[in-house]
Amino acid sequence: MASNGAELWRRRGDVTAFRFSARGERLAIATANEVQVLQVAQRVLRRLVRLAGADWLGWTNAGLVVRTRSAVELIGEDGKRRTLAKVGPATTVAASGDRLVLFTPSTMRELNLAQTGNPATVTKLEDCDPVLNADIEAGGARVLFATGKRVYLRAGTDVKVVEEIAGVHTLSLSPDGAAQLWLADAGGAVAREGKRMPLPVGTRSAHFRVDGGAGLVLTTEDGVFSWDPAAGAPKLVGGISRDDGVNITGDLLGSAAISFAFLKSGPQKTM
């Protein structure tokens, strides 16, 4: 859908993963047996490669990174495949710019996708718990990742615990790489230059603005908020009242606010 609510394209059938490119002009779609790319403005869909079992996609400067049940592959614009690593099912992967990071038990492996033939940089991790989520800065200088009990930041060669918290379901680095965000059912925080600020109580969804604007977008039971931690309190920009339903998440595009809510209408409930 476009920002004005007009439908641009619709697909029926199985989809195992999907991901917009950084500027939103392309949408990668994985099905049971192939990976496709939609040129959004032209509404043109083409097959990129025949590949079964894809369950995670990530756009990079070098092409589309695809994770299957047994491997992580890089797919070029011409559909040619390059196997980056053999992995187990649901291995945590993050990719941005020219960088890719993936986790195996007690190990973090990093690859520079702009350089072929170079071995991965391997970092041993003291925490033996599986890594459940990760994000990497485009230049590769920082990696933020979470296990079932902790959030870690790898900056340079140093890996340190930034939060003891269980059940993190959201974490990300800011577009400039200098700030980190994490959120669990029990709460979360945003940190920049070593200064940590808790997210408002009741935050259900939080992320950095992807349109280049300052600050974050937060969603609570009261609506969607814009928040620059350095500037003051969160500002309500959208959403619905508690009487009308449940605010789930939202985003900002310039001056437009988009909200995703669970609406209640008598006995009927709709998204």
Protein backbone atom coordinates (compact mmCIF):
# COMPACT_ATOMS: atom_id res chain seq x y z
CA MET A 1 0.00 0.00 0.00
CA ALA A 2 1.09 3.58 -0.65
CA SER A 3 1.29 6.16 2.14
CA ASN A 4 -2.15 7.49 1.11
CA GLY A 5 -3.70 4.06 1.63
CA ALA A 6 -4.02 3.19 -2.07
CA GLU A 7 -3.29 -0.44 -2.89
CA LEU A 8 -0.22 -0.81 -5.11
CA TRP A 9 0.05 -4.58 -5.41
CA ARG A 10 -1.40 -7.77 -3.98
CA ARG A 11 -0.10 -11.32 -3.88
CA ARG A 12 -1.87 -14.57 -3.15
CA GLY A 13 -0.09 -17.74 -2.12
CA ASP A 14 2.75 -18.74 0.13
CA VAL A 15 5.33 -16.22 1.35
CA THR A 16 8.08 -17.40 3.71
CA ALA A 17 9.96 -14.07 4.04
CA PHE A 18 9.95 -10.55 2.60
CA ARG A 19 12.07 -7.39 2.88
CA PHE A 20 12.01 -3.89 1.41
CA SER A 21 15.25 -2.40 0.10
CA ALA A 22 16.61 0.62 1.99
CA ARG A 23 14.72 3.21 -0.11
CA GLY A 24 11.64 1.05 -0.52
CA GLU A 25 11.78 0.87 -4.31
CA ARG A 26 12.12 -2.93 -4.32
CA LEU A 27 10.49 -5.71 -2.33
CA ALA A 28 12.18 -9.11 -2.09
CA ILE A 29 9.76 -12.02 -1.60
CA ALA A 30 10.64 -15.62 -0.76
CA THR A 31 8.24 -18.44 -1.60
CA ALA A 32 8.64 -22.17 -1.02
CA ASN A 33 10.77 -22.63 -4.15
CA GLU A 34 12.11 -19.26 -5.32
CA VAL A 35 13.02 -15.67 -4.48
CA GLN A 36 11.27 -12.88 -6.38
CA VAL A 37 11.77 -9.11 -6.59
CA LEU A 38 8.97 -6.59 -7.05
CA GLN A 39 9.77 -3.18 -8.57
CA VAL A 40 7.21 -1.32 -6.48
CA ALA A 41 6.55 1.77 -8.61
CA GLN A 42 6.19 -0.23 -11.82
CA ARG A 43 4.44 -3.15 -10.09
CA VAL A 44 6.68 -5.53 -12.02
CA LEU A 45 7.51 -8.87 -10.40
CA ARG A 46 10.40 -11.04 -11.61
CA ARG A 47 12.03 -14.23 -10.42
CA LEU A 48 15.51 -13.54 -9.03
CA VAL A 49 16.55 -17.14 -8.37
CA ARG A 50 15.15 -20.62 -7.85
CA LEU A 51 15.94 -21.42 -4.22
CA ALA A 52 13.96 -23.57 -1.79
CA GLY A 53 13.59 -23.05 1.93
CA ALA A 54 14.41 -19.32 2.21
CA ASP A 55 13.21 -17.94 5.56
CA TRP A 56 15.17 -14.66 5.95
CA LEU A 57 16.16 -11.91 3.49
CA GLY A 58 18.44 -8.88 3.78
CA TRP A 59 19.44 -6.23 1.23
CA THR A 60 23.11 -5.23 1.07
CA ASN A 61 25.32 -3.22 -1.28
CA ALA A 62 26.55 -6.50 -2.76
CA GLY A 63 23.13 -8.02 -3.39
CA LEU A 64 20.39 -9.87 -1.54
CA VAL A 65 21.39 -12.08 1.39
CA VAL A 66 19.18 -15.16 1.72
CA ARG A 67 19.13 -17.58 4.64
CA THR A 68 17.80 -21.10 4.11
CA ARG A 69 17.66 -24.02 6.53
CA SER A 70 21.23 -25.00 5.68
CA ALA A 71 23.11 -22.02 4.22
CA VAL A 72 23.43 -18.25 3.89
CA GLU A 73 23.75 -17.14 0.27
CA LEU A 74 24.38 -13.88 -1.59
CA ILE A 75 22.27 -13.40 -4.72
CA GLY A 76 23.40 -10.86 -7.31
CA GLU A 77 21.16 -8.79 -9.59
CA ASP A 78 21.78 -11.41 -12.30
CA GLY A 79 20.55 -14.21 -10.04
CA LYS A 80 23.99 -15.74 -9.54
CA ARG A 81 24.45 -17.36 -6.12
CA ARG A 82 27.46 -17.30 -3.81
CA THR A 83 27.36 -19.45 -0.67
CA LEU A 84 28.64 -17.40 2.26
CA ALA A 85 28.32 -19.99 5.02
CA LYS A 86 26.81 -23.34 5.90
CA VAL A 87 24.48 -22.94 8.89
CA GLY A 88 21.90 -24.76 10.96
CA PRO A 89 18.16 -24.00 10.91
CA ALA A 90 17.14 -20.51 12.10
CA THR A 91 20.72 -19.26 12.55
CA THR A 92 20.59 -15.58 13.56
CA VAL A 93 21.84 -13.36 10.73
CA ALA A 94 22.12 -9.58 10.27
CA ALA A 95 23.27 -7.66 7.21
CA SER A 96 23.75 -4.00 6.25
CA GLY A 97 25.87 -2.11 3.75
CA ASP A 98 28.80 -4.36 2.87
CA ARG A 99 28.68 -6.32 6.12
CA LEU A 100 27.12 -9.54 7.31
CA VAL A 101 27.22 -11.18 10.72
CA LEU A 102 25.99 -14.61 11.75
CA PHE A 103 26.04 -16.52 15.01
CA THR A 104 26.81 -20.12 15.88
CA PRO A 105 27.11 -21.43 19.47
CA SER A 106 29.55 -19.15 21.37
CA THR A 107 30.80 -17.63 18.10
CA MET A 108 30.15 -14.53 16.00
CA ARG A 109 31.34 -14.56 12.38
CA GLU A 110 31.62 -11.37 10.32
CA LEU A 111 32.06 -11.06 6.55
CA ASN A 112 32.92 -8.10 4.33
CA LEU A 113 30.74 -8.73 1.27
CA ALA A 114 32.70 -6.26 -0.85
CA GLN A 115 35.75 -8.53 -0.65
CA THR A 116 35.62 -12.03 -2.08
CA GLY A 117 37.93 -14.78 -0.93
CA ASN A 118 38.70 -13.24 2.46
CA PRO A 119 37.95 -15.46 5.47
CA ALA A 120 35.36 -14.44 8.03
CA THR A 121 36.43 -12.60 11.16
CA VAL A 122 35.59 -14.85 14.11
CA THR A 123 34.87 -13.55 17.62
CA LYS A 124 34.53 -15.99 20.50
CA LEU A 125 31.65 -15.25 22.86
CA GLU A 126 31.73 -16.06 26.56
CA ASP A 127 27.94 -16.40 26.69
CA CYS A 128 26.91 -19.88 25.56
CA ASP A 129 23.20 -19.02 25.22
CA PRO A 130 21.91 -18.87 21.62
CA VAL A 131 21.77 -15.44 20.02
CA LEU A 132 18.14 -14.66 19.19
CA ASN A 133 18.35 -11.27 17.47
CA ALA A 134 21.04 -9.01 16.01
CA ASP A 135 21.68 -5.82 14.07
CA ILE A 136 24.87 -4.58 12.41
CA GLU A 137 26.00 -1.10 11.45
CA ALA A 138 26.48 -0.60 7.70
CA GLY A 139 30.21 -0.01 8.14
CA GLY A 140 30.57 -3.00 10.46
CA ALA A 141 31.99 -1.01 13.39
CA ARG A 142 29.20 -2.05 15.78
CA VAL A 143 27.06 -5.16 16.26
CA LEU A 144 24.14 -5.25 18.70
CA PHE A 145 22.80 -8.67 19.67
CA ALA A 146 20.67 -10.36 22.30
CA THR A 147 20.52 -13.77 23.93
CA GLY A 148 17.64 -14.97 26.06
CA LYS A 149 19.00 -13.09 29.09
CA ARG A 150 21.26 -10.24 27.94
CA VAL A 151 21.92 -7.56 25.33
CA TYR A 152 25.48 -7.15 24.04
CA LEU A 153 27.29 -4.52 21.99
CA ARG A 154 30.39 -5.32 19.97
CA ALA A 155 32.29 -2.10 19.25
CA GLY A 156 35.69 -2.59 17.65
CA THR A 157 37.09 -5.73 19.25
CA ASP A 158 35.31 -5.21 22.57
CA VAL A 159 32.13 -7.17 23.41
CA LYS A 160 30.29 -5.92 26.49
CA VAL A 161 26.95 -6.44 28.21
CA VAL A 162 24.75 -3.36 27.92
CA GLU A 163 21.65 -4.75 29.65
CA GLU A 164 20.65 -7.74 31.75
CA ILE A 165 17.13 -8.37 30.43
CA ALA A 166 15.19 -11.45 29.37
CA GLY A 167 12.97 -11.94 26.35
CA VAL A 168 14.18 -9.13 24.08
CA HIS A 169 11.95 -9.11 21.00
CA THR A 170 13.20 -5.89 19.38
CA LEU A 171 16.65 -4.37 19.04
CA SER A 172 18.33 -2.08 16.51
CA LEU A 173 21.13 0.37 15.87
CA SER A 174 20.34 3.94 14.83
CA PRO A 175 20.98 4.90 11.18
CA ASP A 176 24.23 6.61 12.21
CA GLY A 177 25.24 3.57 14.29
CA ALA A 178 25.87 5.61 17.43
CA ALA A 179 22.73 4.68 19.39
CA GLN A 180 21.27 1.34 20.44
CA LEU A 181 17.69 0.36 21.19
CA TRP A 182 16.24 -2.76 22.81
CA LEU A 183 12.78 -3.71 24.02
CA ALA A 184 11.30 -6.69 25.90
CA ASP A 185 7.93 -7.28 27.53
CA ALA A 186 9.52 -6.14 30.79
CA GLY A 187 10.72 -2.83 29.32
CA GLY A 188 13.60 -1.46 27.30
CA ALA A 189 16.00 1.42 26.79
CA VAL A 190 17.87 3.54 24.26
CA ALA A 191 21.57 4.27 24.74
CA ARG A 192 23.87 6.78 23.04
CA GLU A 193 27.51 7.51 23.90
CA GLY A 194 27.22 5.46 27.08
CA LYS A 195 24.12 7.30 28.34
CA ARG A 196 21.17 4.97 28.85
CA MET A 197 17.55 6.17 28.99
CA PRO A 198 14.64 3.81 29.77
CA LEU A 199 11.77 3.68 27.30
CA PRO A 200 8.44 4.95 28.66
CA VAL A 201 6.49 2.44 30.73
CA GLY A 202 4.04 0.48 28.60
CA THR A 203 6.00 0.76 25.34
CA ARG A 204 4.86 -2.02 23.01
CA SER A 205 6.84 -1.12 19.92
CA ALA A 206 9.91 1.05 19.40
CA HIS A 207 12.31 1.76 16.56
CA PHE A 208 14.50 4.49 15.13
CA ARG A 209 12.93 6.62 12.43
CA VAL A 210 13.83 5.18 9.05
CA ASP A 211 13.06 8.40 7.15
CA GLY A 212 16.14 10.14 8.56
CA GLY A 213 14.26 12.15 11.18
CA ALA A 214 15.64 12.60 14.67
CA GLY A 215 14.62 10.29 17.47
CA LEU A 216 12.35 7.28 17.76
CA VAL A 217 8.83 6.11 17.11
CA LEU A 218 7.11 4.54 20.13
CA THR A 219 3.76 2.80 20.41
CA THR A 220 1.93 2.39 23.72
CA GLU A 221 -1.67 1.62 24.65
CA ASP A 222 -2.36 5.34 24.22
CA GLY A 223 -1.12 5.72 20.64
CA VAL A 224 1.89 6.31 18.41
CA PHE A 225 4.48 8.81 19.66
CA SER A 226 7.47 10.65 18.26
CA TRP A 227 10.28 10.90 20.81
CA ASP A 228 13.68 12.53 20.75
CA PRO A 229 15.18 11.56 24.14
CA ALA A 230 17.40 14.64 24.09
CA ALA A 231 14.51 17.03 23.47
CA GLY A 232 11.82 16.11 26.00
CA ALA A 233 8.69 14.04 26.47
CA PRO A 234 7.16 11.84 23.72
CA LYS A 235 4.69 13.63 21.41
CA LEU A 236 1.44 11.91 20.39
CA VAL A 237 1.16 11.74 16.59
CA GLY A 238 -1.37 9.00 15.83
CA GLY A 239 -3.20 5.85 16.85
CA ILE A 240 -6.60 5.16 18.41
CA SER A 241 -8.16 5.44 21.87
CA ARG A 242 -8.23 2.52 24.31
CA ASP A 243 -12.01 2.37 23.91
CA ASP A 244 -11.70 1.79 20.15
CA GLY A 245 -9.07 -0.95 20.27
CA VAL A 246 -5.40 -1.74 20.78
CA ASN A 247 -2.44 0.16 19.30
CA ILE A 248 0.15 -2.35 18.05
CA THR A 249 2.83 -0.37 16.20
CA GLY A 250 3.35 2.69 14.03
CA ASP A 251 5.77 4.73 11.96
CA LEU A 252 6.44 8.25 10.72
CA LEU A 253 7.10 9.36 7.15
CA GLY A 254 7.86 13.07 7.18
CA SER A 255 4.76 14.64 8.70
CA ALA A 256 2.55 11.58 8.15
CA ALA A 257 1.89 9.05 10.91
CA ILE A 258 0.94 5.45 10.14
CA SER A 259 -0.59 3.26 12.83
CA PHE A 260 -1.39 -0.44 12.95
CA ALA A 261 -4.19 -1.22 15.37
CA PHE A 262 -6.57 -3.97 16.46
CA LEU A 263 -9.97 -2.32 16.10
CA LYS A 264 -13.00 -3.36 18.17
CA SER A 265 -16.49 -2.95 16.74
CA GLY A 266 -19.10 -4.68 18.88
CA PRO A 267 -18.53 -8.44 18.70
CA GLN A 268 -16.40 -8.06 15.56
CA LYS A 269 -12.68 -7.37 15.65
CA THR A 270 -10.57 -6.45 12.65
CA MET A 271 -7.05 -5.32 11.93
